[in-house]
Protein backbone atom coordinates (compact mmCIF):
# COMPACT_ATOMS: atom_id res chain seq x y z
CA UNK A 1 87.01 -28.28 -53.48
CA UNK A 2 87.44 -28.91 -49.78
CA UNK A 3 88.30 -25.26 -49.10
CA UNK A 4 85.20 -24.10 -50.98
CA UNK A 5 83.00 -26.36 -48.89
CA UNK A 6 84.62 -24.95 -45.69
CA UNK A 7 83.94 -21.38 -46.80
CA UNK A 8 80.29 -22.24 -47.40
CA UNK A 9 79.95 -23.63 -43.90
CA UNK A 10 81.50 -20.50 -42.42
CA UNK A 11 79.17 -18.31 -44.49
CA UNK A 12 76.14 -20.30 -43.27
CA UNK A 13 77.24 -20.01 -39.64
CA UNK A 14 77.53 -16.21 -39.84
CA UNK A 15 74.09 -15.93 -41.40
CA UNK A 16 72.64 -18.16 -38.74
CA UNK A 17 74.19 -16.06 -36.01
CA UNK A 18 72.74 -12.89 -37.55
CA UNK A 19 69.31 -14.51 -37.75
CA UNK A 20 69.44 -15.52 -34.10
CA UNK A 21 70.59 -12.08 -33.04
CA UNK A 22 67.80 -10.38 -34.96
CA UNK A 23 65.31 -12.74 -33.39
CA UNK A 24 66.53 -11.86 -29.91
CA UNK A 25 66.25 -8.14 -30.62
CA UNK A 26 62.71 -8.50 -31.99
CA UNK A 27 61.67 -10.62 -29.01
CA UNK A 28 63.12 -8.08 -26.56
CA UNK A 29 61.24 -5.25 -28.25
CA UNK A 30 57.99 -7.24 -28.10
CA UNK A 31 58.46 -7.99 -24.40
CA UNK A 32 59.17 -4.33 -23.70
CA UNK A 33 56.03 -3.27 -25.56
CA UNK A 34 53.92 -5.75 -23.61
CA UNK A 35 55.41 -4.51 -20.33
CA UNK A 36 54.46 -0.96 -21.23
CA UNK A 37 50.93 -1.86 -22.29
CA UNK A 38 49.95 -4.19 -19.45
CA UNK A 39 50.09 -1.58 -16.61
CA UNK A 40 48.01 0.82 -18.70
CA UNK A 41 45.34 -1.58 -19.88
CA UNK A 42 45.37 -4.21 -17.15
CA UNK A 43 45.87 -1.92 -14.17
CA UNK A 44 44.44 1.35 -15.40
CA UNK A 45 42.95 2.13 -11.98
CA UNK A 46 46.29 2.17 -10.18
CA UNK A 47 48.12 5.34 -9.33
CA UNK A 48 51.29 5.54 -11.47
CA UNK A 49 54.53 5.17 -9.61
CA UNK A 50 55.84 8.56 -8.64
CA UNK A 51 52.45 10.24 -8.83
CA UNK A 52 51.70 12.55 -5.93
CA UNK A 53 49.54 11.02 -3.22
CA UNK A 54 46.24 12.83 -2.62
CA UNK A 55 46.21 15.18 0.34
CA UNK A 56 43.81 14.95 3.25
CA UNK A 57 40.22 15.50 2.23
CA UNK A 58 38.81 18.86 3.23
CA UNK A 59 36.02 21.31 2.54
CA UNK A 60 37.08 23.46 -0.38
CA UNK A 61 36.43 27.16 0.23
CA UNK A 62 37.13 27.89 -3.42
CA UNK A 63 40.10 30.16 -2.73
CA UNK A 64 42.69 27.73 -4.06
CA UNK A 65 46.27 27.58 -2.83
CA UNK A 66 47.63 30.82 -1.43
CA UNK A 67 51.22 31.92 -1.02
CA UNK A 68 52.21 32.90 2.51
CA UNK A 69 55.43 33.66 4.33
CA UNK A 70 55.11 30.21 5.94
CA UNK A 71 54.63 28.24 2.74
CA UNK A 72 51.70 27.40 0.45
CA UNK A 73 48.32 27.39 2.17
CA UNK A 74 45.83 25.00 0.60
CA UNK A 75 42.07 24.76 1.01
CA UNK A 76 42.62 21.61 3.12
CA UNK A 77 45.02 23.53 5.35
CA UNK A 78 42.49 26.30 5.93
CA UNK A 79 39.71 23.81 6.58
CA UNK A 80 41.90 22.04 9.13
CA UNK A 81 42.64 25.30 10.95
CA UNK A 82 38.93 26.12 11.14
CA UNK A 83 38.07 22.66 12.43
CA UNK A 84 40.68 22.92 15.18
CA UNK A 85 38.97 26.13 16.26
CA UNK A 86 35.56 24.41 16.13
CA UNK A 87 36.92 21.60 18.30
CA UNK A 88 37.67 23.99 21.13
CA UNK A 89 34.31 25.71 20.84
CA UNK A 90 32.43 22.59 21.91
CA UNK A 91 35.02 20.49 23.73
CA UNK A 92 35.92 23.28 26.14
CA UNK A 93 32.30 23.53 27.42
CA UNK A 94 32.09 19.73 27.50
CA UNK A 95 35.25 19.57 29.58
CA UNK A 96 34.04 22.22 32.03
CA UNK A 97 30.75 20.40 32.39
CA UNK A 98 32.55 17.12 33.16
CA UNK A 99 34.61 18.88 35.84
CA UNK A 100 31.44 20.09 37.52
CA UNK A 101 29.11 17.11 37.03
CA UNK A 102 31.42 14.13 37.07
CA UNK A 103 30.97 11.89 40.09
CA UNK A 104 34.02 9.82 39.25
CA UNK A 105 37.43 11.40 39.81
CA UNK A 106 38.60 9.97 36.46
CA UNK A 107 35.79 11.77 34.60
CA UNK A 108 36.61 15.05 36.31
CA UNK A 109 40.27 14.52 35.40
CA UNK A 110 39.35 13.91 31.77
CA UNK A 111 37.33 17.13 31.81
CA UNK A 112 40.30 18.98 33.24
CA UNK A 113 42.56 17.70 30.45
CA UNK A 114 40.02 18.74 27.84
CA UNK A 115 39.88 22.26 29.25
CA UNK A 116 43.63 22.63 29.58
CA UNK A 117 44.42 21.08 26.20
CA UNK A 118 41.89 23.04 24.20
CA UNK A 119 42.61 26.30 26.01
CA UNK A 120 46.22 26.10 24.82
CA UNK A 121 45.25 24.80 21.38
CA UNK A 122 42.63 27.50 20.97
CA UNK A 123 45.18 30.22 21.69
CA UNK A 124 47.52 28.71 19.11
CA UNK A 125 44.87 28.34 16.41
CA UNK A 126 43.80 31.97 16.85
CA UNK A 127 47.42 33.07 16.30
CA UNK A 128 47.67 30.82 13.25
CA UNK A 129 44.41 32.16 11.84
CA UNK A 130 45.56 35.74 12.24
CA UNK A 131 48.99 35.07 10.72
CA UNK A 132 47.58 33.19 7.72
CA UNK A 133 44.48 35.33 7.20
CA UNK A 134 42.05 32.46 7.88
CA UNK A 135 38.60 33.48 9.11
CA UNK A 136 37.73 31.41 12.17
CA UNK A 137 34.28 30.46 13.55
CA UNK A 138 33.21 31.97 16.86
CA UNK A 139 30.51 29.51 17.93
CA UNK A 140 29.98 25.75 17.73
CA UNK A 141 28.24 24.33 14.69
CA UNK A 142 24.61 23.25 14.94
CA UNK A 143 25.72 19.62 15.23
CA UNK A 144 28.17 20.44 18.02
CA UNK A 145 25.49 22.34 19.90
CA UNK A 146 23.31 19.24 19.66
CA UNK A 147 26.09 17.10 21.19
CA UNK A 148 26.37 19.55 24.08
CA UNK A 149 22.60 19.42 24.52
CA UNK A 150 22.74 15.63 24.71
CA UNK A 151 25.34 15.84 27.45
CA UNK A 152 23.32 18.47 29.33
CA UNK A 153 20.21 16.29 29.29
CA UNK A 154 21.99 13.12 30.47
CA UNK A 155 22.16 12.41 34.18
CA UNK A 156 24.34 10.49 36.62
CA UNK A 157 26.12 7.38 35.39
CA UNK A 158 24.50 7.72 31.96
CA UNK A 159 26.02 11.19 31.62
CA UNK A 160 29.53 9.99 32.45
CA UNK A 161 29.33 7.09 30.01
CA UNK A 162 27.95 9.34 27.29
CA UNK A 163 30.70 11.87 27.88
CA UNK A 164 33.52 9.32 27.82
CA UNK A 165 32.25 7.28 24.88
CA UNK A 166 31.42 10.26 22.69
CA UNK A 167 34.72 12.02 23.33
CA UNK A 168 36.82 8.85 23.06
CA UNK A 169 35.40 7.90 19.70
CA UNK A 170 35.72 11.49 18.53
CA UNK A 171 39.40 11.72 19.38
CA UNK A 172 40.13 8.27 17.98
CA UNK A 173 38.72 9.20 14.59
CA UNK A 174 40.61 12.47 14.38
CA UNK A 175 43.93 10.92 15.38
CA UNK A 176 44.71 9.48 11.94
CA UNK A 177 43.53 12.67 10.21
CA UNK A 178 45.93 14.79 12.19
CA UNK A 179 48.81 12.53 11.21
CA UNK A 180 47.90 12.96 7.55
CA UNK A 181 47.76 16.76 7.80
CA UNK A 182 51.03 16.80 9.71
CA UNK A 183 52.73 14.68 7.05
CA UNK A 184 51.44 16.43 3.94
CA UNK A 185 51.04 20.15 4.60
CA UNK A 186 53.71 22.42 3.13
CA UNK A 187 52.84 25.27 5.48
CA UNK A 188 55.07 25.48 8.55
CA UNK A 189 52.41 27.09 10.78
CA UNK A 190 49.81 24.48 9.86
CA UNK A 191 52.41 21.78 10.47
CA UNK A 192 53.14 23.14 13.95
CA UNK A 193 49.42 23.35 14.72
CA UNK A 194 48.91 19.74 13.60
CA UNK A 195 51.81 18.66 15.81
CA UNK A 196 50.26 20.36 18.84
CA UNK A 197 46.79 19.03 18.07
CA UNK A 198 48.16 15.51 17.65
CA UNK A 199 49.77 15.59 21.11
CA UNK A 200 46.60 17.03 22.64
CA UNK A 201 44.36 14.39 21.08
CA UNK A 202 46.63 11.56 22.26
CA UNK A 203 46.58 12.96 25.80
CA UNK A 204 42.79 13.14 25.75
CA UNK A 205 42.48 9.60 24.41
CA UNK A 206 44.68 8.39 27.26
CA UNK A 207 42.77 10.06 30.10
CA UNK A 208 39.41 9.04 28.66
CA UNK A 209 40.53 5.42 28.54
CA UNK A 210 41.84 5.63 32.09
CA UNK A 211 38.28 6.29 33.25
CA UNK A 212 37.50 2.62 32.62
CA UNK A 213 34.23 3.59 30.92
CA UNK A 214 35.25 3.17 27.28
CA UNK A 215 33.34 0.41 25.49
CA UNK A 216 35.98 -0.72 22.98
CA UNK A 217 33.64 -3.28 21.39
CA UNK A 218 31.23 -0.48 20.56
CA UNK A 219 34.07 1.55 19.09
CA UNK A 220 35.10 -1.36 16.88
CA UNK A 221 31.55 -2.30 15.84
CA UNK A 222 30.29 1.21 15.19
CA UNK A 223 29.83 2.19 11.56
CA UNK A 224 32.68 4.38 10.37
CA UNK A 225 32.12 8.10 10.28
CA UNK A 226 31.99 9.85 6.91
CA UNK A 227 35.33 10.29 5.19
CA UNK A 228 36.99 13.20 6.92
CA UNK A 229 36.28 16.46 5.25
CA UNK A 230 38.10 17.38 8.38
CA UNK A 231 34.61 16.97 9.80
CA UNK A 232 35.78 14.32 12.17
CA UNK A 233 34.81 13.97 15.82
CA UNK A 234 37.25 15.97 17.88
CA UNK A 235 37.39 18.28 14.91
CA UNK A 236 33.66 17.96 14.25
CA UNK A 237 31.97 14.64 13.44
CA UNK A 238 28.64 12.87 14.05
CA UNK A 239 27.99 11.92 17.64
CA UNK A 240 28.54 8.18 18.05
CA UNK A 241 25.67 6.08 19.35
CA UNK A 242 26.10 5.00 22.95
CA UNK A 243 25.72 1.22 23.29
CA UNK A 244 22.70 0.00 25.16
CA UNK A 245 23.28 -1.58 28.56
CA UNK A 246 21.24 -2.82 31.42
CA UNK A 247 20.08 -0.12 33.78
CA UNK A 248 21.24 -0.26 37.35
CA UNK A 249 18.66 -0.29 40.13
CA UNK A 250 19.08 3.40 40.92
CA UNK A 251 18.68 4.35 37.25
CA UNK A 252 15.52 2.24 36.95
CA UNK A 253 13.96 4.22 39.77
CA UNK A 254 14.99 7.51 38.16
CA UNK A 255 17.35 8.50 40.94
């Protein structure tokens, strides 16, 4: 009688252990299901882990991605190459003008760096365009011609401040874009061009700041430029407004 009662207890213990084990398995499956559903329903707007990050925005010429001896050439790559060419088409004349019209040595130096930097960069971008079969522009855009006209019309101290502020903001905006192109392109020639352009832009930022004419508060307060379709300042972007300031006595008299 005692042995029978002992066997019953053992049988109940085994059943209980099975029940607990099944409960754990069911609970684990439920938790797993919830974990799978929550990211989809609760965070549907997030980019899934492992998904490719979007490349730099650019104007799509509709030609898609092309195969070249230097790696795939995307629409964003081609747009970047064209914008580098456009940069030289208006910044070279702006630099020459600053060399001739600048009354401050620092402004003339900045103009010299613009001319030297974009002369070298322009030669490189022409080689890249020929090697990759990218058609390049041969004259500044209408917007760029307007910027040059603004500089031509400005006089004296106002001219120098316009030149420095416009070019400094332009190069600052393009700096981050160049880093993105450099990091994401799969084309070795585009990558080399982005590397060169990045160094050139940093040099120009430095000499413009050394003029002492940069209004950093205006740079920080200015409304951001449109998202770069590679249409950013040094590579083509809207001319930034020059902050108002009190006129000096010689400006007030028109001298």
